[in-house]
Protein backbone atom coordinates (compact mmCIF):
# COMPACT_ATOMS: atom_id res chain seq x y z
CA MET A 1 -17.52 -12.95 12.13
CA LYS A 2 -19.68 -12.02 9.13
CA PHE A 3 -17.08 -10.27 7.00
CA VAL A 4 -17.94 -8.46 3.76
CA VAL A 5 -15.27 -7.14 1.42
CA VAL A 6 -16.48 -4.29 -0.79
CA GLY A 7 -14.34 -4.30 -3.93
CA ALA A 8 -13.28 -7.48 -5.73
CA GLY A 9 -9.93 -6.19 -6.96
CA ALA A 10 -6.60 -7.76 -6.09
CA MET A 11 -6.41 -6.51 -2.49
CA GLY A 12 -10.10 -7.11 -1.88
CA LYS A 13 -9.60 -10.68 -2.99
CA TRP A 14 -6.54 -10.96 -0.71
CA PHE A 15 -8.53 -9.91 2.35
CA ALA A 16 -11.50 -12.10 1.40
CA ASN A 17 -9.10 -15.04 1.32
CA PHE A 18 -7.61 -13.92 4.64
CA GLY A 19 -11.07 -13.90 6.21
CA ARG A 20 -11.82 -17.32 4.75
CA SER A 21 -8.58 -18.69 6.24
CA LYS A 22 -9.76 -17.48 9.66
CA GLY A 23 -13.01 -19.41 9.34
CA TRP A 24 -15.18 -16.30 9.02
CA GLU A 25 -18.35 -16.14 6.97
CA VAL A 26 -17.03 -14.14 4.01
CA LEU A 27 -19.04 -12.30 1.35
CA VAL A 28 -17.83 -10.15 -1.55
CA PHE A 29 -19.46 -7.15 -3.23
CA ASP A 30 -18.40 -5.26 -6.35
CA VAL A 31 -20.21 -2.87 -8.69
CA ASP A 32 -19.12 -5.30 -11.38
CA GLU A 33 -21.11 -8.30 -10.18
CA ARG A 34 -19.42 -10.65 -12.64
CA LYS A 35 -16.08 -9.79 -11.03
CA ALA A 36 -17.49 -10.44 -7.56
CA ARG A 37 -18.94 -13.77 -8.66
CA ALA A 38 -15.61 -14.82 -10.20
CA VAL A 39 -13.83 -14.14 -6.89
CA GLY A 40 -16.62 -15.88 -5.01
CA ARG A 41 -16.27 -19.02 -7.13
CA GLU A 42 -12.48 -19.01 -6.88
CA LEU A 43 -12.40 -18.64 -3.10
CA GLY A 44 -15.58 -20.48 -2.29
CA VAL A 45 -17.19 -17.47 -0.59
CA GLY A 46 -20.57 -15.79 -0.98
CA VAL A 47 -21.52 -12.75 -3.05
CA VAL A 48 -23.90 -9.88 -2.29
CA SER A 49 -25.54 -7.74 -4.96
CA THR A 50 -26.22 -4.38 -3.25
CA LEU A 51 -24.77 -2.19 -0.53
CA GLY A 52 -28.07 -2.53 1.30
CA GLU A 53 -27.50 -6.27 1.41
CA VAL A 54 -23.98 -5.62 2.72
CA GLY A 55 -25.50 -3.63 5.57
CA ARG A 56 -27.99 -6.37 6.46
CA LYS A 57 -25.60 -9.32 6.31
CA ALA A 58 -22.29 -7.95 7.66
CA ASP A 59 -21.03 -7.16 11.11
CA SER A 60 -17.57 -6.25 9.72
CA VAL A 61 -17.02 -4.49 6.39
CA LEU A 62 -13.73 -3.77 4.63
CA VAL A 63 -13.80 -1.29 1.73
CA ALA A 64 -11.14 -2.09 -0.90
CA VAL A 65 -11.91 0.31 -3.75
CA PRO A 66 -9.78 3.03 -5.44
CA VAL A 67 -8.82 5.99 -3.24
CA ALA A 68 -10.96 8.38 -5.27
CA ARG A 69 -14.10 6.35 -4.55
CA THR A 70 -13.41 5.33 -0.96
CA PRO A 71 -15.03 8.35 0.83
CA GLU A 72 -18.32 8.10 -1.10
CA VAL A 73 -18.51 4.32 -0.57
CA LEU A 74 -17.83 4.75 3.15
CA GLU A 75 -20.53 7.38 3.41
CA GLU A 76 -23.09 5.21 1.64
CA LEU A 77 -22.23 2.15 3.72
CA ALA A 78 -22.38 4.10 7.00
CA GLY A 79 -26.04 4.71 6.27
CA GLU A 80 -26.66 0.99 5.77
CA LEU A 81 -24.81 -0.44 8.78
CA GLY A 82 -26.31 -0.57 12.24
CA GLU A 83 -24.85 0.11 15.67
CA GLY A 84 -22.17 -2.26 16.94
CA LYS A 85 -20.72 -3.02 13.51
CA ILE A 86 -17.34 -1.99 12.10
CA LEU A 87 -16.54 -0.21 8.84
CA MET A 88 -12.93 -0.27 7.62
CA ASP A 89 -11.00 0.63 4.47
CA ILE A 90 -7.54 -0.01 3.06
CA ALA A 91 -6.99 3.18 1.02
CA SER A 92 -3.35 4.24 0.70
CA VAL A 93 -4.12 7.94 1.36
CA LYS A 94 -5.83 8.77 4.65
CA GLU A 95 -6.68 12.43 5.29
CA GLY A 96 -9.78 12.55 3.07
CA VAL A 97 -10.92 9.08 4.09
CA VAL A 98 -10.58 9.74 7.82
CA SER A 99 -12.32 13.11 7.47
CA THR A 100 -15.30 11.30 5.94
CA MET A 101 -15.24 8.67 8.70
CA ARG A 102 -15.35 11.37 11.37
CA ARG A 103 -18.33 12.98 9.68
CA VAL A 104 -20.45 9.86 9.25
CA GLY A 105 -21.00 6.60 11.03
CA GLY A 106 -22.93 7.43 14.19
CA ARG A 107 -22.01 4.72 16.68
CA LEU A 108 -20.28 2.49 14.15
CA GLU A 109 -16.72 1.47 14.82
CA MET A 110 -14.65 3.16 12.11
CA VAL A 111 -11.02 2.27 11.38
CA SER A 112 -8.84 3.18 8.40
CA LEU A 113 -6.17 0.59 7.61
CA HIS A 114 -3.25 0.60 5.19
CA PRO A 115 -1.51 -2.72 4.55
CA LEU A 116 2.05 -1.90 3.48
CA PHE A 117 2.17 -4.79 1.03
CA GLY A 118 0.51 -5.83 -2.18
CA PRO A 119 -1.60 -8.81 -3.24
CA GLY A 120 1.55 -10.80 -4.00
CA ALA A 121 2.07 -11.35 -0.26
CA ARG A 122 1.50 -14.97 0.71
CA THR A 123 1.26 -14.35 4.44
CA LEU A 124 1.08 -11.51 6.95
CA ARG A 125 4.33 -12.61 8.56
CA GLY A 126 6.74 -9.69 8.82
CA LYS A 127 4.31 -7.23 7.18
CA ILE A 128 3.28 -3.83 8.52
CA VAL A 129 -0.33 -2.66 8.67
CA ILE A 130 -0.87 0.98 9.56
CA SER A 131 -4.08 1.67 11.46
CA VAL A 132 -5.88 4.98 11.99
CA PRO A 133 -8.56 4.16 14.60
CA VAL A 134 -11.30 6.77 14.21
CA ARG A 135 -13.75 5.03 16.53
CA GLY A 136 -12.40 1.75 17.82
CA GLY A 137 -14.07 -0.88 19.95
CA ARG A 138 -14.51 -4.61 20.47
CA ARG A 139 -14.69 -5.53 16.78
CA TYR A 140 -11.61 -3.49 15.94
CA MET A 141 -9.63 -5.16 18.70
CA GLU A 142 -10.74 -8.57 17.40
CA PHE A 143 -9.67 -7.72 13.83
CA ARG A 144 -6.39 -6.25 15.09
CA ARG A 145 -5.63 -9.43 17.07
CA CYS A 146 -6.22 -11.51 13.93
CA LEU A 147 -3.72 -9.42 11.98
CA ILE A 148 -1.14 -9.71 14.75
CA SER A 149 -1.70 -13.45 15.19
CA GLY A 150 -0.97 -13.81 11.46
CA GLY A 151 2.43 -12.23 11.99
CA ALA A 152 1.68 -8.61 11.09
CA ARG A 153 2.88 -5.58 13.02
CA VAL A 154 0.02 -3.11 13.49
CA VAL A 155 1.20 0.49 13.87
CA GLU A 156 -1.37 3.06 14.98
CA MET A 157 -1.06 6.72 13.97
CA GLY A 158 -3.04 9.74 12.79
CA ALA A 159 -4.12 10.39 9.20
CA THR A 160 -1.78 13.35 8.63
CA GLU A 161 1.21 11.50 10.07
CA HIS A 162 0.37 8.57 7.78
CA ASP A 163 0.18 10.70 4.65
CA LYS A 164 3.42 12.53 5.41
CA LEU A 165 5.22 9.22 5.93
CA MET A 166 3.75 7.64 2.80
CA ALA A 167 4.82 10.64 0.72
CA VAL A 168 8.39 9.48 1.43
CA VAL A 169 7.95 5.71 1.79
CA GLN A 170 5.65 5.27 -1.21
CA ALA A 171 5.33 8.36 -3.41
CA ALA A 172 9.03 9.25 -3.55
CA THR A 173 10.09 5.62 -4.07
CA HIS A 174 7.54 5.05 -6.84
CA PHE A 175 8.50 8.35 -8.49
CA LEU A 176 12.18 7.37 -8.58
CA LEU A 177 11.43 3.92 -10.01
CA LEU A 178 9.09 5.34 -12.65
CA LEU A 179 11.75 7.90 -13.61
CA HIS A 180 14.28 5.09 -13.92
CA LEU A 181 11.93 3.11 -16.18
CA ALA A 182 11.19 6.19 -18.28
CA THR A 183 14.94 6.85 -18.66
CA LEU A 184 15.56 3.27 -19.74
CA GLU A 185 12.76 3.53 -22.30
CA LYS A 186 14.30 6.71 -23.75
CA SER A 187 17.78 5.22 -23.88
CA GLY A 188 16.71 1.99 -25.56
CA ARG A 189 18.09 -1.41 -24.54
CA GLU A 190 21.74 -0.92 -25.41
CA TRP A 191 22.86 -2.67 -22.25
CA GLY A 192 21.58 -6.06 -23.48
CA GLU A 193 22.82 -8.65 -21.01
CA ILE A 194 25.48 -6.34 -19.56
CA SER A 195 24.63 -5.50 -15.98
CA THR A 196 25.88 -4.85 -12.47
CA PRO A 197 24.35 -6.04 -9.18
CA ILE A 198 22.87 -2.61 -8.44
CA PHE A 199 21.49 -2.13 -11.98
CA THR A 200 19.97 -5.61 -11.90
CA SER A 201 18.32 -4.99 -8.53
CA LEU A 202 16.89 -1.65 -9.63
CA LEU A 203 15.64 -3.16 -12.88
CA GLU A 204 13.94 -5.99 -10.98
CA LEU A 205 12.18 -3.44 -8.76
CA GLY A 206 11.04 -1.57 -11.85
CA LYS A 207 9.66 -4.77 -13.38
CA ALA A 208 7.79 -5.47 -10.13
CA VAL A 209 6.14 -2.05 -10.37
CA LEU A 210 4.85 -2.95 -13.84
CA ALA A 211 3.17 -6.06 -12.44
CA THR A 212 0.74 -3.94 -10.41
CA ASN A 213 -2.09 -1.53 -11.21
CA PRO A 214 -0.87 1.86 -12.53
CA GLU A 215 -4.03 3.48 -11.14
CA VAL A 216 -2.80 2.82 -7.60
CA TYR A 217 0.51 4.56 -8.28
CA GLY A 218 -1.28 7.53 -9.83
CA GLU A 219 -3.63 7.90 -6.87
CA ILE A 220 -0.77 7.94 -4.37
CA GLN A 221 0.85 10.78 -6.33
CA LEU A 222 -2.36 12.77 -6.82
CA PHE A 223 -4.43 12.30 -3.67
CA ASN A 224 -1.68 12.49 -1.06
CA ARG A 225 -1.17 16.25 -0.77
CA TYR A 226 2.35 15.77 0.59
CA SER A 227 3.51 13.81 -2.47
CA ARG A 228 3.95 16.92 -4.60
CA ARG A 229 6.28 18.47 -2.04
CA VAL A 230 8.46 15.35 -1.99
CA ARG A 231 8.54 15.12 -5.81
CA GLU A 232 9.57 18.78 -6.03
CA LEU A 233 12.33 18.20 -3.47
CA LEU A 234 13.61 15.20 -5.45
CA VAL A 235 13.65 17.17 -8.70
CA LYS A 236 15.29 20.19 -7.05
CA GLU A 237 18.01 18.09 -5.42
CA GLY A 238 18.52 16.13 -8.65
CA GLU A 239 18.97 19.29 -10.70
CA LYS A 240 21.39 20.73 -8.14
CA PHE A 241 23.38 17.49 -8.03
CA ALA A 242 23.51 17.35 -11.84
CA ARG A 243 24.78 20.95 -12.07
CA GLU A 244 27.54 20.21 -9.55
CA LEU A 245 28.63 17.10 -11.45
CA SER A 246 28.55 18.96 -14.78
CA SER A 247 30.88 21.57 -13.30
CA GLY A 248 33.30 18.85 -12.15
CA LYS A 249 32.35 18.80 -8.47
CA VAL A 250 32.04 15.35 -6.90
CA ASP A 251 32.16 16.23 -3.19
CA ARG A 252 28.36 15.79 -2.93
CA ILE A 253 28.88 12.04 -3.47
CA SER A 254 31.32 11.88 -0.55
CA ARG A 255 28.92 13.84 1.65
CA VAL A 256 26.10 11.40 0.88
CA PHE A 257 28.39 8.48 1.78
CA GLU A 258 29.49 10.15 5.03
CA LYS A 259 25.94 10.96 6.09
CA GLY A 260 24.75 7.45 5.26
CA LEU A 261 27.49 5.94 7.41
CA ARG A 262 26.43 8.15 10.32
CA ILE A 263 22.77 7.17 9.94
CA TRP A 264 23.06 3.41 9.40
CA GLY A 265 26.53 2.48 10.56
CA GLU A 266 29.18 0.41 8.83
CA GLY A 267 27.76 -2.94 10.00
CA GLU A 268 24.29 -2.39 8.54
CA ILE A 269 25.72 -1.03 5.30
CA GLN A 270 28.03 -4.03 4.91
CA LYS A 271 25.08 -6.37 5.55
CA ALA A 272 23.08 -4.63 2.80
CA TYR A 273 26.04 -4.99 0.43
CA GLU A 274 26.30 -8.71 1.15
CA LYS A 275 22.56 -9.19 0.59
CA LEU A 276 22.84 -7.37 -2.74
CA TYR A 277 25.42 -9.89 -3.96
CA GLU A 278 23.57 -12.87 -2.54
CA ARG A 279 20.46 -11.88 -4.51
CA PHE A 280 22.43 -11.05 -7.67
CA GLU A 281 24.21 -14.40 -7.62
CA ARG A 282 20.91 -16.25 -7.05
CA LEU A 283 19.42 -14.52 -10.10
CA ASN A 284 22.40 -15.43 -12.23
CA THR A 285 22.90 -19.11 -11.35
């Protein structure tokens, strides 16, 4: 496979390395050619200088650029790639991307992927990759088999279903963690070394957020049209909960516990509790 990754950021580099590990002929392109060359030297893969060169040399192309730029890059590349090739992306918001794919591409295979992990992942084992096959074929099935053979679970769905799910799985989760970090910043660091297992776990998640690119988090909030609805629901429920607590009502807490037990069951909840303490004790020994 002649595999070109367009975008030499962290995830582009991850997939270039993945392709290299499979024995493919891997090339990297970035508008910042110095960045592409640095990745090329580090991984021992080739570099291309123009999108036209991408079109001539690749049979499989993966676009790993910011969400805002993904549709225009896909459109430009579709004009450069010939029949029988595949054009993919890994944007974390799908409706706009898939709409562009449906509009361009001719007889190209077109597939929109979303790896539900970041560049810190060492392997594909146990990871989920969502796939929106716009126009699948032989090359897509080959790429899909490689993901699965690496241990990934590939879940196929439509663009709208993807974005609605990610509004909850990603946007709401990120929003809550960012709110937590903002609250800690406003309250200072009075806690010092005083902590609980749950506080420590939440703080570690917040720190992990800070290790990644803030642009990615902003794009998920802004470009996924369902994110706003979920944020508004979180704020509305939070305000209602706060009013109830301020008036001395605590029955909402019991209702949350009761509903959680119905959803997950006592066994799964107890397992999560045990894992919390296992992790806390590892961090503190």
